[in-house]
N, C-alpha and C. Protein backbone atom coordinates (compact mmCIF):
# COMPACT_ATOMS: atom_id res chain seq x y z
N SER A 1 88.54 -71.77 17.70
CA SER A 1 88.96 -70.33 17.84
C SER A 1 89.90 -70.35 19.17
N TYR A 2 90.56 -69.11 19.40
CA TYR A 2 91.41 -68.98 20.28
C TYR A 2 90.54 -68.95 21.81
N ASN A 3 89.22 -68.37 21.85
CA ASN A 3 88.45 -68.39 22.98
C ASN A 3 88.11 -69.79 23.62
N GLU A 4 87.74 -70.81 22.50
CA GLU A 4 87.67 -72.28 22.80
C GLU A 4 88.83 -72.73 23.51
N LYS A 5 89.93 -72.48 22.67
CA LYS A 5 91.14 -73.25 23.14
C LYS A 5 91.68 -72.80 24.64
N ILE A 6 91.24 -71.34 24.93
CA ILE A 6 91.84 -70.89 26.49
C ILE A 6 90.61 -71.60 27.25
N THR A 7 89.38 -71.81 26.83
CA THR A 7 88.35 -72.27 27.75
C THR A 7 88.74 -73.53 28.24
N LEU A 8 89.00 -74.28 27.20
CA LEU A 8 89.44 -75.87 27.36
C LEU A 8 90.64 -76.11 28.25
N ARG A 9 91.55 -75.01 27.93
CA ARG A 9 92.84 -75.14 28.99
C ARG A 9 92.57 -74.83 30.25
N ASN A 10 91.66 -74.00 30.71
CA ASN A 10 91.23 -73.30 31.81
C ASN A 10 90.51 -74.53 32.92
N MET A 11 89.80 -75.26 31.89
CA MET A 11 88.88 -76.54 32.46
C MET A 11 89.87 -77.39 33.12
N LYS A 12 91.24 -77.60 32.54
CA LYS A 12 92.15 -78.41 32.96
C LYS A 12 93.32 -77.80 33.89
N GLY A 13 92.98 -76.39 33.95
CA GLY A 13 93.69 -75.99 34.98
C GLY A 13 95.38 -75.40 34.49
N ILE A 14 95.37 -75.41 33.01
CA ILE A 14 96.74 -75.05 32.24
C ILE A 14 96.71 -73.44 32.19
N LYS A 15 97.95 -73.30 32.76
CA LYS A 15 98.23 -71.59 32.53
C LYS A 15 98.60 -71.49 30.96
N THR A 16 97.75 -70.15 30.55
CA THR A 16 97.81 -69.90 29.23
C THR A 16 99.11 -69.59 28.87
N ASP A 17 100.02 -69.27 29.30
CA ASP A 17 101.46 -68.88 28.70
C ASP A 17 101.96 -70.09 28.57
N LEU A 18 101.85 -71.23 28.77
CA LEU A 18 102.36 -72.64 28.52
C LEU A 18 102.22 -73.14 27.14
N LYS A 19 103.15 -73.67 26.62
CA LYS A 19 102.72 -74.48 25.17
C LYS A 19 102.49 -75.94 25.33
N VAL A 20 101.23 -75.98 24.90
CA VAL A 20 100.56 -77.54 25.26
C VAL A 20 101.18 -78.41 24.39
N ILE A 21 101.59 -79.36 24.77
CA ILE A 21 101.99 -80.50 23.62
C ILE A 21 101.00 -81.86 23.85
N LEU A 22 100.24 -82.33 22.99
CA LEU A 22 99.65 -83.55 23.23
C LEU A 22 100.14 -84.69 22.74
N LEU A 23 100.34 -85.80 23.64
CA LEU A 23 101.03 -87.18 23.03
C LEU A 23 99.56 -88.12 23.03
N ALA A 24 99.56 -88.69 21.75
CA ALA A 24 98.54 -89.66 21.67
C ALA A 24 99.38 -90.78 21.66
N SER A 25 99.15 -91.46 23.24
CA SER A 25 100.18 -92.50 23.63
C SER A 25 99.23 -93.77 22.74
N THR A 26 100.10 -94.94 22.78
CA THR A 26 99.67 -96.30 22.40
C THR A 26 100.27 -97.29 23.02
N TYR A 27 99.99 -98.59 22.49
CA TYR A 27 100.43 -99.78 22.89
C TYR A 27 100.83 -100.66 21.61
N GLN A 28 101.65 -101.93 21.94
CA GLN A 28 101.72 -102.40 20.88
C GLN A 28 101.26 -104.06 21.15
N GLN A 29 100.29 -104.49 20.13
CA GLN A 29 99.74 -105.81 20.38
C GLN A 29 100.89 -106.97 20.53
N LYS A 30 100.78 -108.10 21.41
CA LYS A 30 101.88 -109.05 21.28
C LYS A 30 102.09 -109.53 19.90
N GLU A 31 100.97 -109.60 19.18
CA GLU A 31 101.32 -110.30 18.02
C GLU A 31 102.12 -109.61 16.83
N TYR A 32 102.38 -108.44 17.09
CA TYR A 32 103.25 -107.64 16.28
C TYR A 32 104.49 -107.53 16.71
N ASN A 33 104.80 -108.19 17.71
CA ASN A 33 106.25 -108.25 18.24
C ASN A 33 107.42 -108.70 17.41
N SER A 34 106.87 -109.74 16.75
CA SER A 34 107.78 -110.17 15.61
C SER A 34 108.19 -109.15 14.69
N PHE A 35 107.24 -108.31 14.34
CA PHE A 35 107.38 -107.28 13.41
C PHE A 35 107.90 -106.07 13.92
N SER A 36 107.88 -105.67 14.99
CA SER A 36 108.58 -104.41 15.72
C SER A 36 108.72 -104.77 17.05
N ASN A 37 109.97 -104.32 17.47
CA ASN A 37 110.52 -104.79 18.91
C ASN A 37 109.81 -103.78 19.85
N PRO A 38 109.05 -104.22 20.89
CA PRO A 38 108.20 -103.67 21.78
C PRO A 38 109.13 -102.50 22.47
N LYS A 39 110.43 -102.84 22.64
CA LYS A 39 111.49 -102.01 23.47
C LYS A 39 111.43 -100.58 22.79
N ILE A 40 111.13 -100.51 21.51
CA ILE A 40 111.39 -99.25 20.66
C ILE A 40 110.42 -98.26 21.01
N LEU A 41 108.89 -98.93 21.39
CA LEU A 41 107.89 -97.78 21.68
C LEU A 41 108.26 -97.42 22.96
N LYS A 42 108.50 -98.43 23.95
CA LYS A 42 108.90 -97.68 25.28
C LYS A 42 110.02 -96.84 25.41
N SER A 43 111.10 -96.84 24.65
CA SER A 43 112.43 -96.09 24.48
C SER A 43 111.72 -94.57 23.90
N MET A 44 110.62 -94.72 23.04
CA MET A 44 110.29 -93.38 22.51
C MET A 44 109.29 -92.76 23.37
N LYS A 45 108.57 -93.69 24.29
CA LYS A 45 107.75 -93.09 25.34
C LYS A 45 108.61 -92.31 26.23
N ASN A 46 109.74 -93.02 26.70
CA ASN A 46 110.64 -92.48 27.50
C ASN A 46 110.97 -90.74 27.28
N ALA A 47 111.60 -91.13 25.85
CA ALA A 47 112.20 -89.79 25.40
C ALA A 47 111.00 -88.75 25.34
N VAL A 48 110.12 -89.04 24.87
CA VAL A 48 108.94 -87.84 25.12
C VAL A 48 108.72 -87.26 26.56
N PHE A 49 108.64 -88.24 27.54
CA PHE A 49 108.44 -87.89 28.79
C PHE A 49 109.89 -87.07 29.11
N GLU A 50 111.04 -87.41 28.84
CA GLU A 50 112.36 -86.72 29.29
C GLU A 50 112.38 -85.34 28.59
N ALA A 51 111.86 -85.09 27.51
CA ALA A 51 112.05 -84.06 26.90
C ALA A 51 110.93 -83.08 27.33
N ALA A 52 109.92 -83.52 27.60
CA ALA A 52 108.93 -82.38 28.36
C ALA A 52 109.38 -82.15 29.75
N ASN A 53 110.12 -82.90 30.35
CA ASN A 53 110.51 -82.64 31.45
C ASN A 53 111.79 -81.55 31.45
N LYS A 54 112.57 -81.70 30.58
CA LYS A 54 113.78 -80.69 30.48
C LYS A 54 113.57 -79.29 29.77
N VAL A 55 112.56 -79.33 28.89
CA VAL A 55 112.07 -78.04 28.25
C VAL A 55 110.98 -77.36 29.09
N LYS A 56 111.69 -76.22 29.68
CA LYS A 56 110.92 -75.15 30.36
C LYS A 56 109.68 -74.64 29.43
N GLY A 57 108.41 -74.23 30.11
CA GLY A 57 107.44 -73.35 29.29
C GLY A 57 106.53 -74.45 28.42
N VAL A 58 106.72 -75.82 28.71
CA VAL A 58 105.62 -76.51 28.13
C VAL A 58 104.93 -77.54 29.10
N ILE A 59 104.07 -77.97 28.69
CA ILE A 59 103.16 -79.00 29.38
C ILE A 59 102.70 -80.20 28.38
N LEU A 60 103.13 -81.42 29.07
CA LEU A 60 102.51 -82.33 28.11
C LEU A 60 101.28 -83.13 28.65
N ILE A 61 100.14 -83.27 27.66
CA ILE A 61 99.01 -84.08 28.00
C ILE A 61 99.30 -85.28 27.31
N VAL A 62 99.12 -86.46 28.31
CA VAL A 62 99.27 -87.73 27.79
C VAL A 62 97.73 -88.40 27.56
N LYS A 63 97.39 -88.68 26.18
CA LYS A 63 95.92 -89.23 26.10
C LYS A 63 96.16 -90.71 25.83
N PRO A 64 96.06 -91.54 26.79
CA PRO A 64 96.43 -93.04 26.81
C PRO A 64 95.27 -93.51 25.87
N HIS A 65 95.93 -94.75 25.20
CA HIS A 65 94.91 -95.55 24.04
C HIS A 65 94.10 -96.39 25.19
N PRO A 66 92.70 -96.51 24.75
CA PRO A 66 91.66 -97.31 25.65
C PRO A 66 92.48 -98.48 25.86
N LEU A 67 93.31 -99.21 25.26
CA LEU A 67 93.71 -100.52 25.53
C LEU A 67 95.06 -100.32 26.22
N GLU A 68 95.62 -99.43 26.34
CA GLU A 68 96.94 -99.15 26.70
C GLU A 68 96.92 -99.52 28.28
N ASN A 69 98.18 -100.20 28.86
CA ASN A 69 98.21 -100.41 30.27
C ASN A 69 98.89 -99.25 30.76
N LEU A 70 97.73 -98.52 31.40
CA LEU A 70 98.25 -97.25 32.13
C LEU A 70 99.10 -97.37 33.28
N LYS A 71 98.93 -98.20 33.85
CA LYS A 71 100.24 -98.39 35.04
C LYS A 71 101.35 -98.59 34.67
N GLU A 72 101.79 -99.18 33.50
CA GLU A 72 102.95 -99.34 32.92
C GLU A 72 103.35 -98.15 32.31
N THR A 73 102.64 -97.30 31.67
CA THR A 73 102.90 -96.10 30.93
C THR A 73 103.35 -95.08 32.06
N LYS A 74 102.90 -94.97 33.25
CA LYS A 74 102.83 -94.00 34.48
C LYS A 74 104.13 -94.32 35.06
N LYS A 75 104.62 -95.41 35.06
CA LYS A 75 105.85 -95.96 35.83
C LYS A 75 107.08 -95.14 34.96
N LEU A 76 106.90 -94.94 33.72
CA LEU A 76 108.05 -94.36 33.09
C LEU A 76 108.25 -92.83 33.32
N ILE A 77 107.28 -92.17 33.78
CA ILE A 77 107.52 -90.73 34.11
C ILE A 77 108.00 -90.37 35.66
N TYR A 78 108.11 -91.22 36.39
CA TYR A 78 108.87 -91.15 37.39
C TYR A 78 108.22 -90.07 38.38
N SER A 79 109.11 -88.63 38.79
CA SER A 79 108.48 -87.43 39.50
C SER A 79 108.40 -86.40 38.56
N TYR A 80 108.37 -86.60 37.31
CA TYR A 80 107.97 -85.42 36.28
C TYR A 80 106.88 -84.76 36.79
N LYS A 81 106.78 -83.35 36.79
CA LYS A 81 105.61 -82.58 37.38
C LYS A 81 105.03 -81.83 36.01
N ASN A 82 105.45 -81.78 35.01
CA ASN A 82 104.89 -80.98 33.80
C ASN A 82 104.21 -81.85 32.69
N ILE A 83 103.64 -83.02 33.39
CA ILE A 83 103.27 -84.17 32.44
C ILE A 83 101.56 -84.20 33.38
N ILE A 84 100.69 -84.27 32.41
CA ILE A 84 99.15 -84.59 32.95
C ILE A 84 98.52 -85.71 32.28
N PHE A 85 97.75 -86.50 32.52
CA PHE A 85 97.04 -87.50 32.13
C PHE A 85 95.73 -87.29 31.61
N ALA A 86 95.23 -87.32 30.64
CA ALA A 86 93.93 -87.29 29.97
C ALA A 86 93.21 -88.65 30.37
N ASP A 87 91.88 -88.47 30.44
CA ASP A 87 90.93 -89.85 30.74
C ASP A 87 90.97 -90.46 29.48
N LYS A 88 91.24 -91.95 29.58
CA LYS A 88 91.89 -92.61 28.26
C LYS A 88 90.38 -92.78 27.41
N ASP A 89 89.10 -92.48 27.86
CA ASP A 89 87.86 -92.43 27.32
C ASP A 89 87.71 -90.86 26.69
N GLU A 90 88.18 -89.97 26.80
CA GLU A 90 88.17 -88.51 26.43
C GLU A 90 88.17 -88.72 25.10
N ASP A 91 87.74 -87.65 24.33
CA ASP A 91 87.59 -87.41 22.75
C ASP A 91 88.85 -86.56 22.67
N ILE A 92 89.93 -87.19 21.94
CA ILE A 92 91.10 -86.85 21.52
C ILE A 92 91.13 -85.41 20.53
N ARG A 93 89.96 -85.18 19.86
CA ARG A 93 89.64 -83.94 19.26
C ARG A 93 89.44 -82.88 20.00
N ASP A 94 88.91 -83.19 21.29
CA ASP A 94 88.90 -81.87 22.03
C ASP A 94 90.21 -81.53 22.69
N LEU A 95 91.13 -82.56 22.69
CA LEU A 95 92.31 -82.15 23.52
C LEU A 95 93.27 -81.55 22.32
N ILE A 96 93.15 -81.76 21.19
CA ILE A 96 93.65 -81.34 19.92
C ILE A 96 93.32 -79.59 19.83
N LYS A 97 92.25 -79.63 20.15
CA LYS A 97 91.74 -78.20 19.99
C LYS A 97 92.50 -77.16 21.01
N MET A 98 93.06 -77.72 22.06
CA MET A 98 93.76 -76.91 23.02
C MET A 98 94.94 -76.79 22.87
N SER A 99 95.45 -77.88 21.95
CA SER A 99 97.18 -77.94 21.84
C SER A 99 97.59 -77.20 20.89
N ASP A 100 99.10 -76.90 21.39
CA ASP A 100 99.96 -76.36 20.37
C ASP A 100 100.67 -77.06 19.33
N ALA A 101 100.64 -78.54 19.93
CA ALA A 101 101.72 -79.46 19.20
C ALA A 101 101.18 -80.80 19.45
N PHE A 102 101.59 -81.69 18.44
CA PHE A 102 100.91 -83.06 18.62
C PHE A 102 101.98 -84.29 18.40
N VAL A 103 102.13 -85.11 19.35
CA VAL A 103 103.03 -86.28 19.35
C VAL A 103 102.48 -87.46 19.03
N SER A 104 102.80 -88.27 18.26
CA SER A 104 102.08 -89.75 17.88
C SER A 104 103.43 -90.57 17.37
N PHE A 105 103.05 -91.87 17.66
CA PHE A 105 103.77 -92.90 17.02
C PHE A 105 103.11 -93.73 15.86
N GLY A 106 102.41 -92.84 14.97
CA GLY A 106 101.72 -93.27 13.72
C GLY A 106 100.39 -93.41 14.10
N THR A 107 99.68 -93.12 14.95
CA THR A 107 98.48 -93.49 15.49
C THR A 107 97.41 -92.65 14.30
N THR A 108 96.43 -93.17 14.16
CA THR A 108 95.34 -92.51 13.14
C THR A 108 95.05 -90.96 13.40
N ALA A 109 95.07 -90.88 14.86
CA ALA A 109 94.84 -89.17 15.44
C ALA A 109 95.58 -88.38 14.90
N THR A 110 96.70 -88.91 14.15
CA THR A 110 97.90 -87.92 13.41
C THR A 110 97.00 -87.34 12.37
N PHE A 111 96.15 -87.89 11.66
CA PHE A 111 95.36 -87.22 10.70
C PHE A 111 94.48 -85.96 10.97
N ASP A 112 94.07 -86.49 12.32
CA ASP A 112 93.21 -85.45 12.79
C ASP A 112 93.87 -84.15 13.30
N ALA A 113 95.21 -84.49 13.73
CA ALA A 113 96.10 -83.27 14.27
C ALA A 113 96.49 -82.59 12.96
N LEU A 114 96.99 -83.25 11.79
CA LEU A 114 97.43 -82.58 10.74
C LEU A 114 96.54 -81.79 10.01
N ILE A 115 95.17 -82.26 9.91
CA ILE A 115 93.99 -81.46 9.36
C ILE A 115 93.69 -80.21 10.31
N SER A 116 93.70 -80.26 11.53
CA SER A 116 93.38 -79.27 12.50
C SER A 116 94.80 -78.34 12.50
N ASN A 117 95.81 -78.46 11.63
CA ASN A 117 96.96 -77.71 11.52
C ASN A 117 97.71 -77.48 12.61
N LEU A 118 97.65 -78.73 13.47
CA LEU A 118 98.93 -78.70 14.68
C LEU A 118 100.20 -79.07 14.06
N HIS A 119 101.08 -78.54 14.67
CA HIS A 119 102.63 -78.89 14.47
C HIS A 119 102.75 -80.39 14.84
N THR A 120 102.64 -81.24 14.10
CA THR A 120 102.67 -82.37 14.09
C THR A 120 104.14 -82.97 14.39
N ILE A 121 104.42 -84.20 15.27
CA ILE A 121 105.90 -84.56 15.77
C ILE A 121 105.46 -86.53 15.65
N CYS A 122 106.24 -86.94 14.74
CA CYS A 122 106.31 -88.27 14.91
C CYS A 122 107.62 -88.93 15.07
N PRO A 123 108.04 -89.35 16.32
CA PRO A 123 109.30 -89.70 16.76
C PRO A 123 109.53 -91.15 16.16
N VAL A 124 110.53 -91.58 15.33
CA VAL A 124 110.75 -92.72 14.87
C VAL A 124 112.42 -93.06 14.95
N PHE A 125 112.43 -94.07 16.03
CA PHE A 125 113.79 -94.68 16.63
C PHE A 125 113.98 -95.83 16.07
N ASP A 126 115.22 -96.14 15.63
CA ASP A 126 115.56 -97.50 15.05
C ASP A 126 114.80 -97.83 13.88
N ASP A 127 114.19 -99.04 14.06
CA ASP A 127 113.64 -99.26 12.72
C ASP A 127 111.89 -99.44 13.01
N TRP A 128 111.47 -98.49 13.89
CA TRP A 128 109.69 -98.36 13.97
C TRP A 128 109.23 -97.98 12.75
N ALA A 129 108.22 -98.83 12.25
CA ALA A 129 107.77 -98.88 11.07
C ALA A 129 106.36 -98.40 10.98
N TRP A 130 105.64 -97.99 12.09
CA TRP A 130 104.20 -97.52 11.92
C TRP A 130 104.02 -96.16 11.82
N SER A 131 104.98 -95.17 11.26
CA SER A 131 104.78 -94.17 11.29
C SER A 131 105.33 -93.76 9.79
N GLU A 132 105.46 -94.83 9.05
CA GLU A 132 106.02 -94.68 7.58
C GLU A 132 105.28 -93.67 6.83
N VAL A 133 103.83 -93.75 6.87
CA VAL A 133 103.21 -93.03 5.82
C VAL A 133 103.49 -91.41 6.14
N PHE A 134 103.72 -91.13 7.28
CA PHE A 134 104.13 -89.71 7.78
C PHE A 134 105.68 -89.27 7.21
N VAL A 135 106.40 -90.47 7.48
CA VAL A 135 108.01 -90.04 7.13
C VAL A 135 107.88 -89.90 5.54
N ASN A 136 107.13 -90.61 4.88
CA ASN A 136 107.42 -90.59 3.44
C ASN A 136 106.68 -89.48 2.78
N SER A 137 105.78 -88.99 3.58
CA SER A 137 105.10 -87.80 2.85
C SER A 137 105.90 -86.52 3.52
N ASN A 138 106.77 -86.75 4.30
CA ASN A 138 107.21 -85.24 5.09
C ASN A 138 106.14 -84.29 5.57
N ALA A 139 105.09 -84.88 6.08
CA ALA A 139 104.05 -84.31 6.65
C ALA A 139 104.15 -83.82 7.95
N ALA A 140 105.21 -84.65 8.86
CA ALA A 140 105.37 -84.46 10.15
C ALA A 140 106.95 -84.36 10.55
N VAL A 141 107.43 -83.56 11.61
CA VAL A 141 108.67 -83.52 11.87
C VAL A 141 109.10 -84.81 12.59
N ILE A 142 110.33 -85.64 12.23
CA ILE A 142 110.54 -86.75 12.49
C ILE A 142 111.60 -86.86 13.28
N PRO A 143 111.87 -86.88 14.69
CA PRO A 143 112.99 -86.93 15.51
C PRO A 143 113.40 -88.44 15.53
N ARG A 144 114.76 -88.49 15.32
CA ARG A 144 115.42 -90.14 15.27
C ARG A 144 115.85 -90.59 16.57
N ASN A 145 116.14 -89.51 17.35
CA ASN A 145 116.52 -89.82 18.97
C ASN A 145 116.19 -88.85 19.98
N LYS A 146 116.38 -89.23 21.21
CA LYS A 146 115.87 -88.06 22.38
C LYS A 146 116.39 -87.02 22.37
N GLU A 147 117.53 -86.60 21.50
CA GLU A 147 118.39 -85.31 21.49
C GLU A 147 117.70 -84.58 20.70
N GLU A 148 117.25 -85.12 19.36
CA GLU A 148 116.67 -84.08 18.62
C GLU A 148 115.14 -83.95 18.95
N LEU A 149 114.51 -84.87 19.79
CA LEU A 149 113.20 -84.56 20.12
C LEU A 149 113.39 -83.39 21.43
N VAL A 150 114.43 -83.48 22.29
CA VAL A 150 114.53 -82.25 22.83
C VAL A 150 114.52 -80.88 22.26
N LEU A 151 115.48 -80.83 21.12
CA LEU A 151 115.40 -79.65 20.16
C LEU A 151 114.08 -79.26 19.61
N VAL A 152 113.36 -80.30 19.23
CA VAL A 152 111.86 -80.02 18.56
C VAL A 152 111.16 -79.25 19.94
N PHE A 153 111.12 -79.81 20.98
CA PHE A 153 110.19 -79.43 22.06
C PHE A 153 110.80 -78.06 22.58
N GLN A 154 111.87 -77.93 22.44
CA GLN A 154 112.57 -76.59 22.82
C GLN A 154 112.28 -75.42 21.65
N ASN A 155 112.18 -75.83 20.59
CA ASN A 155 111.66 -74.93 19.16
C ASN A 155 110.32 -74.58 19.47
N ILE A 156 109.18 -75.47 20.16
CA ILE A 156 107.91 -75.11 20.38
C ILE A 156 107.90 -74.14 21.71
N SER A 157 108.93 -74.40 22.49
CA SER A 157 108.90 -73.53 23.70
C SER A 157 109.18 -71.95 23.43
N ASP A 158 110.03 -72.01 22.75
CA ASP A 158 110.62 -70.72 22.37
C ASP A 158 109.80 -69.81 21.06
N ASN A 159 108.73 -70.52 20.96
CA ASN A 159 107.75 -69.88 20.04
C ASN A 159 108.27 -69.64 18.32
N SER A 160 109.24 -70.62 18.25
CA SER A 160 110.13 -70.29 16.82
C SER A 160 109.12 -71.24 15.89
N PHE A 161 109.00 -72.34 15.99
CA PHE A 161 108.41 -73.33 15.23
C PHE A 161 108.88 -73.31 13.60
N ASP A 162 110.55 -72.95 13.59
CA ASP A 162 111.13 -72.85 12.27
C ASP A 162 111.28 -74.42 11.86
N ILE A 163 111.49 -75.31 12.79
CA ILE A 163 111.55 -76.59 12.20
C ILE A 163 110.23 -76.99 11.35
N PHE A 164 109.11 -76.55 12.05
CA PHE A 164 107.93 -76.82 10.94
C PHE A 164 107.71 -76.05 9.98
N GLU A 165 108.26 -75.05 9.82
CA GLU A 165 108.22 -74.38 8.58
C GLU A 165 109.00 -74.88 7.57
N LYS A 166 109.86 -75.48 7.80
CA LYS A 166 110.70 -76.35 6.71
C LYS A 166 109.74 -77.57 5.96
N ILE A 167 108.83 -78.12 6.74
CA ILE A 167 108.01 -79.03 6.09
C ILE A 167 106.57 -78.45 5.79
N LYS A 168 106.53 -77.23 5.93
CA LYS A 168 104.88 -76.69 5.65
C LYS A 168 104.34 -76.89 4.24
N VAL A 169 105.38 -76.91 3.29
CA VAL A 169 104.52 -77.07 1.73
C VAL A 169 104.39 -78.57 1.73
N SER A 170 105.11 -79.53 2.06
CA SER A 170 104.78 -80.99 2.01
C SER A 170 103.73 -81.44 2.63
N LYS A 171 103.57 -80.68 4.11
CA LYS A 171 102.42 -81.11 5.08
C LYS A 171 100.92 -80.57 4.33
N ASN A 172 101.25 -79.41 3.69
CA ASN A 172 100.01 -78.82 2.95
C ASN A 172 99.48 -79.58 2.04
N ASN A 173 100.57 -80.34 1.36
CA ASN A 173 100.36 -81.11 0.11
C ASN A 173 99.80 -82.46 0.55
N PHE A 174 100.28 -82.93 1.73
CA PHE A 174 99.53 -83.94 2.36
C PHE A 174 98.15 -84.10 2.68
N ILE A 175 97.84 -82.83 3.24
CA ILE A 175 96.46 -82.67 3.57
C ILE A 175 95.74 -82.49 2.67
N TYR A 176 96.07 -81.53 1.43
CA TYR A 176 95.41 -81.21 0.18
C TYR A 176 94.85 -82.74 -0.54
N ASN A 177 95.61 -83.62 -0.19
CA ASN A 177 95.24 -85.07 -1.11
C ASN A 177 94.58 -85.83 -0.17
N LEU A 178 94.55 -85.51 1.18
CA LEU A 178 93.91 -86.37 2.11
C LEU A 178 92.62 -86.09 2.29
N ALA A 179 92.14 -84.80 2.40
CA ALA A 179 91.07 -84.07 2.92
C ALA A 179 90.45 -83.51 1.61
N TYR A 180 89.23 -83.51 1.71
CA TYR A 180 88.41 -82.65 0.34
C TYR A 180 88.12 -81.20 0.70
N LEU A 181 87.63 -80.95 1.88
CA LEU A 181 87.70 -79.29 2.32
C LEU A 181 88.08 -79.10 3.81
N CYS A 182 88.76 -78.59 4.41
CA CYS A 182 89.05 -78.45 5.86
C CYS A 182 88.37 -76.97 6.26
N ASP A 183 87.16 -77.11 6.18
CA ASP A 183 86.42 -75.86 6.31
C ASP A 183 85.30 -76.15 7.57
N GLY A 184 85.41 -77.34 8.28
CA GLY A 184 84.46 -77.51 9.34
C GLY A 184 83.09 -77.75 8.74
N ASN A 185 82.58 -77.98 7.64
CA ASN A 185 81.42 -78.08 7.00
C ASN A 185 81.11 -79.43 6.60
N SER A 186 81.68 -80.66 6.81
CA SER A 186 81.72 -81.70 6.40
C SER A 186 80.47 -82.45 6.80
N THR A 187 79.96 -82.19 8.20
CA THR A 187 78.82 -82.84 8.65
C THR A 187 77.60 -82.33 8.03
N MET A 188 77.66 -81.04 7.61
CA MET A 188 76.52 -80.33 6.97
C MET A 188 76.43 -80.95 5.48
N ARG A 189 77.56 -81.08 4.66
CA ARG A 189 77.36 -81.44 3.66
C ARG A 189 76.96 -82.90 3.41
N VAL A 190 77.37 -83.97 4.43
CA VAL A 190 77.08 -85.26 4.40
C VAL A 190 75.36 -85.02 4.59
N ALA A 191 74.96 -84.21 5.54
CA ALA A 191 73.47 -84.18 5.87
C ALA A 191 72.67 -83.62 4.80
N ASN A 192 73.12 -82.85 3.82
CA ASN A 192 72.48 -82.10 2.87
C ASN A 192 72.33 -83.31 1.50
N LEU A 193 73.56 -83.90 1.54
CA LEU A 193 73.65 -85.01 0.55
C LEU A 193 72.66 -86.10 0.81
N ALA A 194 72.60 -86.26 2.29
CA ALA A 194 71.61 -87.37 2.31
C ALA A 194 69.97 -87.30 2.34
N LEU A 195 69.79 -85.74 2.51
CA LEU A 195 68.51 -85.14 2.24
C LEU A 195 68.26 -85.30 0.66
N SER A 196 69.09 -84.75 0.05
CA SER A 196 68.74 -84.65 -1.54
C SER A 196 68.52 -86.22 -1.97
N MET A 197 69.27 -87.40 -1.24
CA MET A 197 69.05 -88.60 -1.86
C MET A 197 68.04 -88.98 -1.48
N THR A 198 67.31 -88.57 -0.21
CA THR A 198 66.15 -89.15 0.47
C THR A 198 64.75 -88.29 -0.45
N ASN A 199 65.15 -87.02 -0.87
CA ASN A 199 63.82 -86.43 -1.80
C ASN A 199 63.69 -86.89 -3.06
N ARG A 200 64.62 -88.05 -3.54
CA ARG A 200 64.17 -88.38 -4.61
C ARG A 200 63.22 -89.67 -4.54
N PHE A 201 63.24 -89.97 -3.39
CA PHE A 201 62.36 -91.28 -3.46
C PHE A 201 61.07 -90.90 -2.55
N PHE A 202 60.73 -89.80 -2.34
CA PHE A 202 59.37 -89.12 -1.80
C PHE A 202 58.82 -87.85 -2.66
């Protein structure tokens, strides 16, 4: 709800008039370096940080991956002021609740963001292959360079979101085929199903 969103923002000291963009940061295992150049991930992180710094009216929350080298990531930020870090052990779903948009490099949390109806961005520079499912489905906005990323952030800051409107139908189709019902009652359905199965034996 709106009240929940504002409460969560207040807990982090975020002004209500700012657009909150959440980055699900990640790392690349060395075993995959032959499959995907690790410099691409670094360049995309740099582009996200630069875009957040250039565009007024937004604040970027960085949620580090639990196994990510946080010191290395923080080195990319220089002296940018509108970027804050969440704890690496914080539940990203709570951060999703308080955000207006979501940025990922193809992580599984992208599914949570899409189901939560967040405006979702998956930068894909060069031959980055980890976001392929979101590229093929057209469920997220796909900036191909840092200039395009700045335009997307500006679109969010301006409260326009017309870039996201262009993919609304394909995003909704993707969610429809991904999730059964997006009504918040999945736990209750599982519990009722478990109880009904138990009652058969007692």
